Amino acid sequence: MAIKDVSFDIVFMDPPYNKKFELKVLELLNHSPLVHKDTLFIVEASLDTDTSYLEDLGYYLEKEKLYKTNKHLFIKLKETTTHD
């Protein structure tokens, strides 16, 4: 199998908090062949992480799970974003 034929069902990110690395990764993966329309992105983030950029990038927040000191964001591509 060639690398060009690989796509991921789940992408988990645990970047350093409050550095906006998750935003940069989501920007890069938005139209990447490494993800598809059903890929689930799970991001561990600080409680005060802003996700208002998601819609502009072609994503939506499916679920947010809050914990005592952090949260998990479950993010999906919007249906209008073109992926195989």
N, C-alpha and C. Protein backbone atom coordinates (compact mmCIF):
# COMPACT_ATOMS: atom_id res chain seq x y z
N MET A 1 0.84 -1.17 0.00
CA MET A 1 0.00 0.00 0.00
C MET A 1 0.89 1.24 0.00
N ALA A 2 0.64 2.14 -0.90
CA ALA A 2 1.40 3.39 -0.98
C ALA A 2 0.88 4.38 0.05
N ILE A 3 1.74 5.26 0.49
CA ILE A 3 1.36 6.25 1.50
C ILE A 3 0.22 7.14 1.01
N LYS A 4 0.13 7.36 -0.29
CA LYS A 4 -0.93 8.23 -0.81
C LYS A 4 -2.31 7.60 -0.63
N ASP A 5 -2.39 6.30 -0.36
CA ASP A 5 -3.66 5.62 -0.19
C ASP A 5 -4.11 5.55 1.27
N VAL A 6 -3.37 6.19 2.17
CA VAL A 6 -3.67 6.11 3.59
C VAL A 6 -4.50 7.32 4.02
N SER A 7 -5.56 7.05 4.76
CA SER A 7 -6.31 8.13 5.41
C SER A 7 -6.69 7.64 6.80
N PHE A 8 -6.88 8.57 7.70
CA PHE A 8 -7.11 8.25 9.10
C PHE A 8 -8.57 8.45 9.49
N ASP A 9 -9.08 7.51 10.28
CA ASP A 9 -10.44 7.61 10.81
C ASP A 9 -10.48 8.50 12.05
N ILE A 10 -9.41 8.47 12.83
CA ILE A 10 -9.32 9.26 14.07
C ILE A 10 -7.97 9.96 14.11
N VAL A 11 -8.00 11.24 14.44
CA VAL A 11 -6.78 12.01 14.65
C VAL A 11 -6.87 12.56 16.08
N PHE A 12 -5.92 12.17 16.93
CA PHE A 12 -5.89 12.65 18.32
C PHE A 12 -4.73 13.62 18.47
N MET A 13 -5.02 14.77 19.05
CA MET A 13 -3.99 15.78 19.29
C MET A 13 -3.98 16.16 20.76
N ASP A 14 -2.80 16.21 21.32
CA ASP A 14 -2.60 16.68 22.70
C ASP A 14 -1.46 17.69 22.67
N PRO A 15 -1.71 18.83 22.01
CA PRO A 15 -0.64 19.82 21.86
C PRO A 15 -0.43 20.61 23.16
N PRO A 16 0.69 21.32 23.25
CA PRO A 16 0.85 22.22 24.40
C PRO A 16 -0.33 23.21 24.43
N TYR A 17 -0.85 23.44 25.60
CA TYR A 17 -2.04 24.30 25.74
C TYR A 17 -1.74 25.75 25.38
N ASN A 18 -2.77 26.38 24.82
CA ASN A 18 -2.80 27.83 24.55
C ASN A 18 -1.70 28.29 23.58
N LYS A 19 -1.29 27.41 22.68
CA LYS A 19 -0.30 27.78 21.65
C LYS A 19 -0.93 27.79 20.26
N LYS A 20 -2.20 27.37 20.16
CA LYS A 20 -2.95 27.32 18.90
C LYS A 20 -2.37 26.33 17.89
N PHE A 21 -1.64 25.33 18.38
CA PHE A 21 -1.11 24.31 17.47
C PHE A 21 -2.24 23.50 16.83
N GLU A 22 -3.32 23.26 17.58
CA GLU A 22 -4.44 22.49 17.02
C GLU A 22 -5.05 23.23 15.83
N LEU A 23 -5.12 24.55 15.90
CA LEU A 23 -5.64 25.34 14.79
C LEU A 23 -4.76 25.14 13.56
N LYS A 24 -3.45 25.18 13.73
CA LYS A 24 -2.52 25.02 12.61
C LYS A 24 -2.63 23.62 12.00
N VAL A 25 -2.77 22.61 12.83
CA VAL A 25 -2.90 21.23 12.32
C VAL A 25 -4.22 21.08 11.56
N LEU A 26 -5.30 21.62 12.10
CA LEU A 26 -6.59 21.53 11.42
C LEU A 26 -6.57 22.28 10.09
N GLU A 27 -5.87 23.41 10.04
CA GLU A 27 -5.72 24.13 8.77
C GLU A 27 -5.02 23.24 7.74
N LEU A 28 -3.96 22.58 8.14
CA LEU A 28 -3.19 21.74 7.22
C LEU A 28 -3.96 20.51 6.77
N LEU A 29 -4.76 19.94 7.67
CA LEU A 29 -5.46 18.69 7.34
C LEU A 29 -6.80 18.91 6.63
N ASN A 30 -7.28 20.13 6.59
CA ASN A 30 -8.61 20.40 6.06
C ASN A 30 -8.83 19.80 4.68
N HIS A 31 -7.92 19.97 3.77
CA HIS A 31 -8.08 19.43 2.41
C HIS A 31 -7.03 18.38 2.11
N SER A 32 -6.52 17.75 3.13
CA SER A 32 -5.47 16.75 2.98
C SER A 32 -6.07 15.38 2.64
N PRO A 33 -5.37 14.60 1.83
CA PRO A 33 -5.83 13.24 1.55
C PRO A 33 -5.64 12.31 2.76
N LEU A 34 -4.98 12.79 3.81
CA LEU A 34 -4.79 11.98 5.02
C LEU A 34 -6.06 11.83 5.85
N VAL A 35 -7.07 12.65 5.57
CA VAL A 35 -8.34 12.56 6.29
C VAL A 35 -9.48 12.44 5.29
N HIS A 36 -10.62 11.99 5.77
CA HIS A 36 -11.80 11.86 4.91
C HIS A 36 -13.00 12.48 5.60
N LYS A 37 -14.14 12.46 4.95
CA LYS A 37 -15.32 13.17 5.46
C LYS A 37 -15.80 12.66 6.81
N ASP A 38 -15.44 11.44 7.19
CA ASP A 38 -15.89 10.88 8.46
C ASP A 38 -14.80 10.86 9.54
N THR A 39 -13.66 11.46 9.26
CA THR A 39 -12.57 11.49 10.24
C THR A 39 -13.03 12.24 11.50
N LEU A 40 -12.72 11.68 12.64
CA LEU A 40 -13.00 12.32 13.92
C LEU A 40 -11.69 12.87 14.46
N PHE A 41 -11.68 14.15 14.76
CA PHE A 41 -10.53 14.81 15.35
C PHE A 41 -10.82 14.99 16.84
N ILE A 42 -9.93 14.50 17.67
CA ILE A 42 -10.08 14.65 19.12
C ILE A 42 -8.91 15.50 19.59
N VAL A 43 -9.23 16.61 20.22
CA VAL A 43 -8.20 17.54 20.68
C VAL A 43 -8.31 17.69 22.19
N GLU A 44 -7.21 17.45 22.89
CA GLU A 44 -7.15 17.77 24.31
C GLU A 44 -6.69 19.22 24.41
N ALA A 45 -7.41 20.02 25.19
CA ALA A 45 -7.13 21.45 25.25
C ALA A 45 -7.41 22.00 26.64
N SER A 46 -6.92 23.21 26.88
CA SER A 46 -7.23 23.87 28.15
C SER A 46 -8.70 24.28 28.16
N LEU A 47 -9.22 24.51 29.33
CA LEU A 47 -10.63 24.88 29.46
C LEU A 47 -10.97 26.18 28.75
N ASP A 48 -10.00 27.06 28.60
CA ASP A 48 -10.28 28.36 27.97
C ASP A 48 -9.89 28.41 26.49
N THR A 49 -9.64 27.28 25.87
CA THR A 49 -9.32 27.25 24.44
C THR A 49 -10.51 27.71 23.61
N ASP A 50 -10.26 28.65 22.73
CA ASP A 50 -11.29 29.21 21.85
C ASP A 50 -11.42 28.34 20.60
N THR A 51 -12.63 27.95 20.25
CA THR A 51 -12.86 27.14 19.05
C THR A 51 -13.72 27.87 18.03
N SER A 52 -13.81 29.17 18.15
CA SER A 52 -14.66 29.94 17.23
C SER A 52 -14.17 29.88 15.78
N TYR A 53 -12.94 29.47 15.56
CA TYR A 53 -12.37 29.38 14.21
C TYR A 53 -12.84 28.15 13.44
N LEU A 54 -13.43 27.17 14.13
CA LEU A 54 -13.76 25.90 13.49
C LEU A 54 -14.62 26.05 12.25
N GLU A 55 -15.68 26.80 12.34
CA GLU A 55 -16.60 26.94 11.21
C GLU A 55 -15.90 27.56 10.00
N ASP A 56 -15.07 28.56 10.24
CA ASP A 56 -14.35 29.20 9.13
C ASP A 56 -13.39 28.24 8.44
N LEU A 57 -12.91 27.24 9.16
CA LEU A 57 -11.99 26.25 8.57
C LEU A 57 -12.72 25.06 7.94
N GLY A 58 -14.04 25.00 8.09
CA GLY A 58 -14.80 23.90 7.50
C GLY A 58 -15.06 22.74 8.45
N TYR A 59 -15.01 23.01 9.76
CA TYR A 59 -15.25 22.00 10.78
C TYR A 59 -16.43 22.40 11.66
N TYR A 60 -16.89 21.44 12.46
CA TYR A 60 -17.86 21.77 13.51
C TYR A 60 -17.52 20.97 14.76
N LEU A 61 -17.93 21.50 15.89
CA LEU A 61 -17.69 20.85 17.18
C LEU A 61 -18.85 19.89 17.43
N GLU A 62 -18.57 18.60 17.36
CA GLU A 62 -19.61 17.59 17.57
C GLU A 62 -19.92 17.40 19.05
N LYS A 63 -18.86 17.45 19.89
CA LYS A 63 -19.04 17.24 21.33
C LYS A 63 -17.88 17.88 22.06
N GLU A 64 -18.16 18.35 23.26
CA GLU A 64 -17.12 18.89 24.13
C GLU A 64 -17.26 18.24 25.49
N LYS A 65 -16.22 17.58 25.94
CA LYS A 65 -16.23 16.89 27.24
C LYS A 65 -15.33 17.66 28.18
N LEU A 66 -15.93 18.25 29.23
CA LEU A 66 -15.19 19.06 30.18
C LEU A 66 -14.72 18.22 31.36
N TYR A 67 -13.48 18.46 31.75
CA TYR A 67 -12.89 17.82 32.93
C TYR A 67 -12.48 18.92 33.91
N LYS A 68 -11.88 18.56 34.98
CA LYS A 68 -11.51 19.52 36.02
C LYS A 68 -10.51 20.57 35.51
N THR A 69 -9.50 20.12 34.77
CA THR A 69 -8.44 21.04 34.35
C THR A 69 -8.30 21.18 32.84
N ASN A 70 -9.04 20.40 32.06
CA ASN A 70 -8.93 20.47 30.61
C ASN A 70 -10.22 20.01 29.97
N LYS A 71 -10.21 19.89 28.65
CA LYS A 71 -11.38 19.40 27.93
C LYS A 71 -10.94 18.64 26.69
N HIS A 72 -11.83 17.78 26.22
CA HIS A 72 -11.64 17.09 24.96
C HIS A 72 -12.65 17.63 23.98
N LEU A 73 -12.17 17.98 22.81
CA LEU A 73 -13.01 18.50 21.74
C LEU A 73 -13.13 17.42 20.67
N PHE A 74 -14.34 17.10 20.30
CA PHE A 74 -14.60 16.11 19.25
C PHE A 74 -15.07 16.89 18.03
N ILE A 75 -14.24 16.91 17.02
CA ILE A 75 -14.43 17.79 15.87
C ILE A 75 -14.59 16.95 14.61
N LYS A 76 -15.51 17.40 13.75
CA LYS A 76 -15.74 16.72 12.47
C LYS A 76 -15.71 17.76 11.35
N LEU A 77 -15.47 17.27 10.15
CA LEU A 77 -15.55 18.12 8.97
C LEU A 77 -17.01 18.40 8.66
N LYS A 78 -17.30 19.61 8.21
CA LYS A 78 -18.65 19.93 7.77
C LYS A 78 -18.95 19.13 6.50
N GLU A 79 -20.20 18.86 6.27
CA GLU A 79 -20.61 18.07 5.09
C GLU A 79 -20.21 18.74 3.79
N THR A 80 -20.13 20.06 3.77
CA THR A 80 -19.83 20.77 2.53
C THR A 80 -18.34 20.74 2.17
N THR A 81 -17.49 20.31 3.10
CA THR A 81 -16.07 20.19 2.81
C THR A 81 -15.85 18.96 1.93
N THR A 82 -15.14 19.12 0.85
CA THR A 82 -14.98 18.02 -0.11
C THR A 82 -13.84 17.09 0.28
N HIS A 83 -14.17 15.85 0.56
CA HIS A 83 -13.23 14.77 0.82
C HIS A 83 -13.83 13.49 0.25
N ASP A 84 -12.99 12.53 -0.04
CA ASP A 84 -13.48 11.23 -0.56
C ASP A 84 -14.20 10.47 0.52
